[in-house]
Protein backbone atom coordinates (compact mmCIF):
# COMPACT_ATOMS: atom_id res chain seq x y z
CA MET A 1 59.70 -21.09 -3.14
CA LYS A 2 59.73 -19.48 -6.63
CA LYS A 3 56.61 -17.83 -7.92
CA VAL A 4 55.05 -17.94 -11.32
CA LEU A 5 52.14 -15.82 -12.50
CA ILE A 6 50.13 -17.43 -15.31
CA THR A 7 47.50 -15.53 -17.31
CA GLY A 8 44.91 -17.70 -19.04
CA SER A 9 45.65 -20.19 -16.28
CA SER A 10 42.58 -22.31 -16.94
CA GLY A 11 43.23 -22.65 -20.68
CA LEU A 12 45.17 -25.22 -22.56
CA ILE A 13 48.64 -23.80 -22.16
CA GLY A 14 48.00 -22.05 -18.86
CA SER A 15 46.70 -25.15 -17.15
CA GLU A 16 49.63 -27.20 -18.48
CA ALA A 17 52.03 -24.59 -17.14
CA ALA A 18 50.28 -24.58 -13.76
CA LYS A 19 50.67 -28.33 -13.50
CA PHE A 20 54.24 -28.35 -14.85
CA PHE A 21 55.60 -25.65 -12.57
CA GLY A 22 53.61 -26.86 -9.60
CA GLU A 23 55.37 -30.19 -9.88
CA LYS A 24 58.70 -28.25 -9.79
CA ASP A 25 57.55 -26.71 -6.52
CA PHE A 26 56.63 -23.24 -7.72
CA LYS A 27 53.88 -21.33 -6.08
CA ILE A 28 51.28 -20.73 -8.82
CA TYR A 29 49.27 -17.56 -9.26
CA GLY A 30 46.60 -17.87 -11.93
CA ILE A 31 44.67 -15.15 -13.74
CA ASP A 32 41.63 -16.29 -15.67
CA ASN A 33 38.13 -14.84 -15.93
CA ASN A 34 36.70 -17.54 -18.24
CA MET A 35 36.48 -15.26 -21.27
CA ARG A 36 36.59 -18.37 -23.46
CA LYS A 37 32.97 -18.99 -22.49
CA TYR A 38 32.02 -15.51 -23.73
CA PHE A 39 33.93 -16.05 -26.99
CA PHE A 40 32.78 -19.54 -27.89
CA GLY A 41 29.74 -20.45 -25.65
CA LYS A 42 29.38 -22.65 -22.60
CA GLU A 43 30.95 -25.68 -24.21
CA ALA A 44 34.23 -23.76 -24.21
CA SER A 45 34.06 -22.80 -20.60
CA THR A 46 37.28 -23.58 -18.72
CA LEU A 47 35.84 -23.68 -15.19
CA TRP A 48 36.28 -27.49 -15.24
CA SER A 49 39.95 -26.95 -15.82
CA ARG A 50 40.30 -24.41 -13.07
CA LYS A 51 38.64 -26.81 -10.65
CA LYS A 52 41.17 -29.59 -11.66
CA ILE A 53 44.11 -27.29 -11.19
CA LYS A 54 42.89 -26.35 -7.66
CA GLU A 55 42.26 -29.93 -6.72
CA LYS A 56 45.73 -30.96 -7.82
CA LEU A 57 47.79 -28.06 -6.57
CA LYS A 58 45.72 -27.19 -3.43
CA ASP A 59 47.49 -24.42 -1.42
CA LYS A 60 50.19 -24.04 -4.06
CA TYR A 61 47.67 -22.37 -6.28
CA LYS A 62 46.00 -18.97 -5.84
CA HIS A 63 43.41 -17.80 -8.46
CA TYR A 64 42.43 -14.26 -9.55
CA ALA A 65 39.41 -13.89 -11.76
CA VAL A 66 40.79 -10.63 -13.18
CA ASP A 67 40.27 -9.21 -16.65
CA ILE A 68 43.72 -8.29 -17.99
CA ARG A 69 42.20 -5.10 -19.51
CA ASP A 70 41.53 -3.84 -16.06
CA LEU A 71 44.85 -2.19 -15.11
CA ALA A 72 43.86 -1.17 -11.60
CA LYS A 73 42.65 -4.79 -10.63
CA LEU A 74 45.77 -6.23 -12.35
CA GLU A 75 48.06 -3.86 -10.40
CA GLU A 76 46.57 -5.20 -7.14
CA VAL A 77 47.84 -8.67 -8.08
CA PHE A 78 51.36 -7.36 -8.79
CA GLN A 79 51.51 -5.29 -5.63
CA LYS A 80 50.94 -8.35 -3.38
CA ASP A 81 53.81 -10.58 -4.72
CA THR A 82 57.06 -10.42 -6.59
CA PHE A 83 57.23 -13.04 -9.39
CA ASP A 84 60.18 -14.99 -10.81
CA LEU A 85 58.34 -15.97 -13.89
CA ILE A 86 55.38 -14.60 -15.81
CA ILE A 87 53.67 -16.75 -18.48
CA HIS A 88 51.17 -14.73 -20.53
CA THR A 89 48.76 -17.03 -22.43
CA ALA A 90 45.54 -15.08 -21.96
CA ALA A 91 44.10 -14.01 -25.29
CA GLN A 92 41.16 -13.73 -27.64
CA PRO A 93 42.41 -16.54 -29.93
CA SER A 94 40.10 -16.67 -32.97
CA HIS A 95 40.63 -14.72 -36.20
CA ASP A 96 36.99 -15.25 -37.09
CA TRP A 97 35.61 -14.01 -33.75
CA ALA A 98 37.88 -10.98 -33.72
CA ALA A 99 36.06 -9.45 -36.71
CA LYS A 100 32.82 -9.32 -34.67
CA GLU A 101 34.31 -7.29 -31.81
CA PRO A 102 37.62 -5.65 -32.84
CA HIS A 103 37.71 -3.45 -29.76
CA THR A 104 37.42 -6.49 -27.45
CA ASP A 105 40.03 -8.46 -29.42
CA PHE A 106 42.53 -5.53 -29.41
CA GLY A 107 41.77 -4.70 -25.81
CA ILE A 108 42.57 -8.18 -24.60
CA ASN A 109 45.44 -9.12 -26.94
CA ALA A 110 47.26 -5.80 -27.30
CA VAL A 111 46.31 -3.52 -24.44
CA GLY A 112 46.07 -6.39 -21.92
CA THR A 113 49.65 -7.43 -22.88
CA LEU A 114 50.93 -3.90 -22.49
CA ASN A 115 49.22 -3.72 -19.02
CA LEU A 116 51.11 -6.84 -18.00
CA LEU A 117 54.43 -5.70 -19.43
CA GLU A 118 54.30 -2.37 -17.62
CA LEU A 119 53.40 -3.91 -14.28
CA TYR A 120 56.09 -6.57 -14.84
CA ARG A 121 58.62 -3.72 -15.40
CA LYS A 122 57.46 -1.82 -12.29
CA TYR A 123 57.11 -4.63 -9.82
CA SER A 124 58.97 -7.80 -10.93
CA PRO A 125 61.70 -6.65 -13.36
CA LYS A 126 63.96 -9.54 -12.53
CA ALA A 127 61.43 -12.04 -13.67
CA VAL A 128 61.33 -13.80 -17.04
CA PHE A 129 58.33 -12.82 -19.21
CA ILE A 130 57.06 -15.38 -21.74
CA PHE A 131 54.41 -14.56 -24.31
CA THR A 132 52.41 -16.91 -26.46
CA SER A 133 52.14 -15.19 -29.82
CA THR A 134 50.94 -16.95 -33.01
CA ASN A 135 51.91 -17.78 -36.50
CA LYS A 136 49.16 -15.46 -37.64
CA VAL A 137 51.64 -12.60 -37.24
CA TYR A 138 52.89 -13.63 -40.70
CA GLY A 139 49.37 -13.04 -42.10
CA ASP A 140 48.60 -14.95 -45.33
CA THR A 141 52.17 -14.69 -46.69
CA PRO A 142 52.61 -18.54 -46.26
CA ASN A 143 49.79 -18.94 -48.81
CA THR A 144 52.10 -17.47 -51.48
CA LEU A 145 54.44 -20.35 -51.19
CA PRO A 146 54.61 -22.71 -54.33
CA LEU A 147 52.48 -25.44 -52.87
CA ARG A 148 51.66 -28.64 -54.78
CA GLU A 149 48.57 -30.70 -54.14
CA THR A 150 48.80 -34.42 -53.30
CA GLU A 151 46.02 -36.88 -52.47
CA THR A 152 45.76 -35.88 -48.79
CA ARG A 153 47.61 -32.58 -48.43
CA PHE A 154 49.26 -29.55 -49.80
CA GLU A 155 53.00 -29.72 -49.72
CA LEU A 156 56.20 -27.86 -50.51
CA SER A 157 59.03 -29.25 -52.68
CA PRO A 158 61.88 -30.66 -50.57
CA GLN A 159 64.16 -28.27 -52.31
CA HIS A 160 62.33 -25.23 -51.11
CA ARG A 161 64.02 -23.07 -48.40
CA TYR A 162 60.94 -23.46 -46.16
CA TYR A 163 60.46 -27.12 -46.65
CA LYS A 164 61.83 -27.74 -43.19
CA GLY A 165 59.37 -25.23 -41.90
CA ILE A 166 58.86 -21.40 -41.80
CA ASN A 167 61.48 -19.59 -39.74
CA GLU A 168 61.53 -16.14 -38.16
CA SER A 169 62.87 -14.53 -41.30
CA MET A 170 59.49 -14.55 -42.96
CA SER A 171 58.22 -10.94 -43.19
CA ILE A 172 55.17 -9.81 -41.22
CA ASP A 173 54.53 -6.99 -43.60
CA ASN A 174 52.35 -6.70 -46.72
CA SER A 175 49.93 -9.42 -45.88
CA LYS A 176 46.35 -9.93 -44.66
CA HIS A 177 46.58 -10.77 -40.99
CA SER A 178 42.95 -10.85 -39.83
CA ILE A 179 41.97 -8.58 -36.99
CA PHE A 180 43.20 -11.19 -34.56
CA GLY A 181 46.56 -11.43 -36.20
CA ALA A 182 47.00 -7.62 -36.14
CA SER A 183 46.31 -7.43 -32.41
CA LYS A 184 48.76 -10.24 -31.78
CA VAL A 185 51.42 -8.46 -33.96
CA ALA A 186 51.00 -5.44 -31.67
CA ALA A 187 51.49 -7.56 -28.51
CA ASP A 188 54.34 -9.51 -30.07
CA ILE A 189 56.34 -6.49 -30.95
CA MET A 190 55.66 -4.86 -27.62
CA VAL A 191 57.06 -7.87 -25.74
CA GLN A 192 60.16 -7.81 -27.95
CA GLU A 193 60.54 -4.10 -27.29
CA TYR A 194 60.35 -4.44 -23.49
CA GLY A 195 63.19 -6.90 -23.72
CA LYS A 196 65.40 -4.89 -26.06
CA TYR A 197 64.51 -1.33 -24.87
CA PHE A 198 64.28 -1.92 -21.16
CA HIS A 199 66.83 -4.81 -21.12
CA LEU A 200 64.27 -7.28 -19.56
CA ASN A 201 64.19 -11.02 -19.98
CA THR A 202 61.33 -11.51 -22.52
CA ALA A 203 60.59 -14.26 -25.00
CA VAL A 204 57.94 -14.49 -27.74
CA PHE A 205 56.69 -17.83 -28.98
CA ARG A 206 54.92 -17.72 -32.37
CA GLY A 207 52.94 -20.98 -32.09
CA GLY A 208 51.55 -23.26 -34.73
CA CYS A 209 48.68 -25.40 -33.49
CA LEU A 210 48.95 -25.75 -29.75
CA THR A 211 46.94 -28.70 -28.55
CA GLY A 212 46.45 -31.47 -26.03
CA PRO A 213 43.66 -33.15 -24.05
CA GLN A 214 43.15 -30.13 -21.78
CA HIS A 215 41.88 -28.07 -24.78
CA SER A 216 38.32 -26.89 -24.54
CA GLY A 217 38.01 -27.18 -28.32
CA ALA A 218 35.33 -25.07 -30.09
CA LYS A 219 34.18 -24.48 -33.59
CA LEU A 220 36.11 -21.23 -34.00
CA HIS A 221 39.27 -22.31 -32.13
CA GLY A 222 41.22 -25.51 -31.34
CA PHE A 223 41.26 -27.31 -34.66
CA LEU A 224 42.56 -30.79 -33.60
CA ALA A 225 40.71 -31.00 -30.20
CA TYR A 226 37.47 -29.81 -31.75
CA LEU A 227 37.77 -32.21 -34.68
CA ILE A 228 38.42 -35.20 -32.45
CA LYS A 229 35.52 -34.07 -30.18
CA CYS A 230 33.14 -34.13 -33.15
CA VAL A 231 34.22 -37.56 -34.22
CA ALA A 232 33.97 -38.90 -30.63
CA THR A 233 30.54 -37.35 -30.09
CA GLU A 234 29.34 -38.11 -33.70
CA GLU A 235 28.64 -34.44 -34.28
CA PRO A 236 28.95 -32.83 -37.71
CA TYR A 237 32.32 -31.24 -38.56
CA THR A 238 32.68 -28.58 -41.26
CA ILE A 239 35.86 -28.09 -43.25
CA PHE A 240 36.22 -24.60 -44.80
CA GLY A 241 37.98 -24.59 -48.19
CA TYR A 242 41.19 -26.18 -49.54
CA LYS A 243 39.50 -29.60 -49.84
CA GLY A 244 40.52 -30.46 -46.26
CA LYS A 245 44.15 -30.69 -47.39
CA GLN A 246 45.37 -27.63 -45.39
CA VAL A 247 48.36 -28.64 -43.27
CA ARG A 248 48.97 -27.74 -39.55
CA ASP A 249 51.81 -28.61 -37.33
CA ASN A 250 50.76 -29.66 -33.84
CA ILE A 251 52.73 -29.29 -30.59
CA HIS A 252 51.57 -30.80 -27.38
CA SER A 253 51.01 -28.30 -24.54
CA TYR A 254 53.58 -30.15 -22.38
CA ASP A 255 56.39 -29.79 -25.01
CA LEU A 256 55.57 -26.10 -25.28
CA VAL A 257 55.62 -25.48 -21.57
CA ASN A 258 58.78 -27.46 -21.26
CA ALA A 259 60.26 -24.97 -23.80
CA PHE A 260 59.16 -22.21 -21.49
CA TYR A 261 61.06 -23.89 -18.65
CA HIS A 262 64.26 -23.99 -20.67
CA VAL A 263 63.90 -20.20 -21.30
CA PHE A 264 63.36 -19.60 -17.67
CA LEU A 265 66.59 -21.42 -16.78
CA HIS A 266 68.62 -19.45 -19.35
CA PRO A 267 66.73 -16.35 -20.33
CA ARG A 268 67.55 -13.92 -23.15
CA GLN A 269 66.22 -10.41 -24.00
CA GLY A 270 63.50 -9.87 -26.57
CA GLU A 271 63.95 -13.15 -28.42
CA VAL A 272 61.41 -14.53 -30.86
CA TYR A 273 60.86 -18.16 -31.61
CA ASN A 274 58.74 -20.02 -34.10
CA ILE A 275 57.41 -23.04 -32.24
CA GLY A 276 55.14 -25.87 -33.31
CA GLY A 277 55.25 -29.58 -34.31
CA SER A 278 57.68 -28.85 -37.20
CA ARG A 279 58.43 -31.78 -39.49
CA HIS A 280 58.29 -33.93 -36.28
CA SER A 281 54.45 -33.51 -35.94
CA ASN A 282 52.29 -32.18 -38.77
CA ILE A 283 49.07 -33.20 -40.41
CA SER A 284 46.42 -32.20 -42.88
CA MET A 285 42.75 -32.02 -41.82
CA LYS A 286 41.99 -34.90 -44.16
CA GLU A 287 44.83 -37.02 -42.52
CA ALA A 288 43.69 -36.00 -39.00
CA ILE A 289 40.17 -37.11 -39.61
CA GLN A 290 41.38 -40.51 -40.91
CA LYS A 291 43.55 -40.94 -37.84
CA ALA A 292 40.82 -39.89 -35.39
CA GLU A 293 38.37 -42.35 -37.02
CA LYS A 294 40.91 -45.17 -36.72
CA VAL A 295 41.64 -44.58 -33.03
CA LEU A 296 37.97 -43.93 -32.02
CA LYS A 297 36.54 -46.60 -34.39
CA LYS A 298 33.88 -44.09 -35.52
CA LYS A 299 33.05 -42.46 -38.80
CA ALA A 300 33.34 -38.67 -38.89
CA LYS A 301 30.37 -36.64 -40.22
CA VAL A 302 32.22 -34.20 -42.39
CA THR A 303 30.87 -31.34 -44.64
CA TYR A 304 33.22 -29.64 -47.12
CA LEU A 305 32.63 -25.92 -48.05
CA ASP A 306 34.38 -24.37 -50.97
CA ASP A 307 34.98 -21.00 -49.21
CA ASN A 308 38.00 -20.89 -46.97
CA ARG A 309 38.21 -18.74 -43.85
CA ILE A 310 39.74 -15.30 -44.44
CA GLY A 311 43.55 -15.42 -43.89
CA ASP A 312 43.54 -19.13 -43.14
CA HIS A 313 46.76 -20.84 -43.83
CA ILE A 314 46.87 -23.46 -46.57
CA TRP A 315 50.13 -24.91 -45.28
CA TYR A 316 52.01 -23.98 -42.16
CA ILE A 317 54.90 -25.93 -40.57
CA SER A 318 57.16 -24.28 -38.03
CA ASP A 319 60.94 -24.29 -38.34
CA VAL A 320 62.07 -24.62 -34.67
CA SER A 321 65.80 -24.57 -35.45
CA LYS A 322 66.47 -21.28 -33.80
CA PHE A 323 64.98 -22.42 -30.53
CA GLN A 324 66.77 -25.74 -30.67
CA LYS A 325 70.06 -23.93 -31.32
CA HIS A 326 69.59 -21.68 -28.29
CA TYR A 327 68.25 -24.54 -26.11
CA PRO A 328 69.77 -27.82 -27.42
CA GLU A 329 68.69 -29.82 -24.35
CA TRP A 330 64.93 -29.32 -25.20
CA LYS A 331 63.40 -32.29 -27.03
CA TYR A 332 59.97 -33.31 -28.21
CA ILE A 333 58.17 -35.84 -26.10
CA TYR A 334 55.02 -36.17 -28.24
CA ASP A 335 54.76 -36.85 -31.92
CA GLY A 336 51.57 -36.45 -33.99
CA ASP A 337 50.23 -39.90 -33.45
CA ALA A 338 50.79 -39.69 -29.70
CA ILE A 339 49.01 -36.34 -29.55
CA ILE A 340 45.94 -37.67 -31.42
CA GLU A 341 45.91 -40.90 -29.31
CA GLU A 342 45.93 -38.84 -26.05
CA ILE A 343 43.20 -36.44 -27.07
CA CYS A 344 41.06 -39.37 -28.18
CA ARG A 345 41.55 -41.05 -24.78
CA PHE A 346 41.50 -38.14 -22.42
CA GLY A 347 39.94 -35.14 -24.29
CA HIS A 348 37.38 -32.94 -22.74
CA PHE A 349 34.19 -33.97 -24.68
CA LYS A 350 31.41 -33.02 -22.26
């Protein structure tokens, strides 16, 4: 039986990966110490998700409540088993929160990733290592694009080179990243380097908006899940800047984890992929509110503030062409409407 180690195993992508690979008869080893509760409060706790994973996978799942900053405790996990696949999703995920505790943010996102890479190299070097990075590594460079304003969104001209989406050629230099973005850049580059320098099978996924009903959406992280939660529970929702016309591309957690699986089957060394909903699945906040209202048959309580969040993207759509070229058998299962419908029906709103 093959073995997969998943960090952040109770989170959105981690729990989806546990379910996905469990169904493919992998033995699942999860690392998650519920830091999301510390970041965003008890409503963001992922203990409910951990319980569901254990109930579903039973003896095929083993959990470690380890902090990835603790190298000694982490090494104990690697000493016990040799892994075929490592999926690293654990992170401090909010650029707003990071500014409050930069040491915590960098410790988890950068140092924690280095800890995992070095233990991977030492104990399971034949494994495939997959890292969930972020589009925030490009900083606010996307905001320099010549965007035009329409009734419901900002948009690029169809003639622009990035109209299809932003690809991996966009520079990560000379931009404002946020503290979060900077810590993820450090991790992103290190994962690439372990692939290229040590000739290990590593892959970096620079995600757009990763989403799905398993998301414990909170005010500072999880745009679509949190928005729908607010509409469903009739709680106020605040939009920060850009008139609510900022555009996000949304990829369902299943589609992302399925991409991981294709990399596992045919790994490469130190590759980087932009991944998200692309032109297949993208939406502005204004459009998302309208769709959620229609599905839930409820009116959103929305407040608009003029000031945008520092480094927030006005428009971001991922060009996934590189990944599709390397892995042509991978296809989207969910489009934008299906994602919203599923979150409305099965989202975690407690």
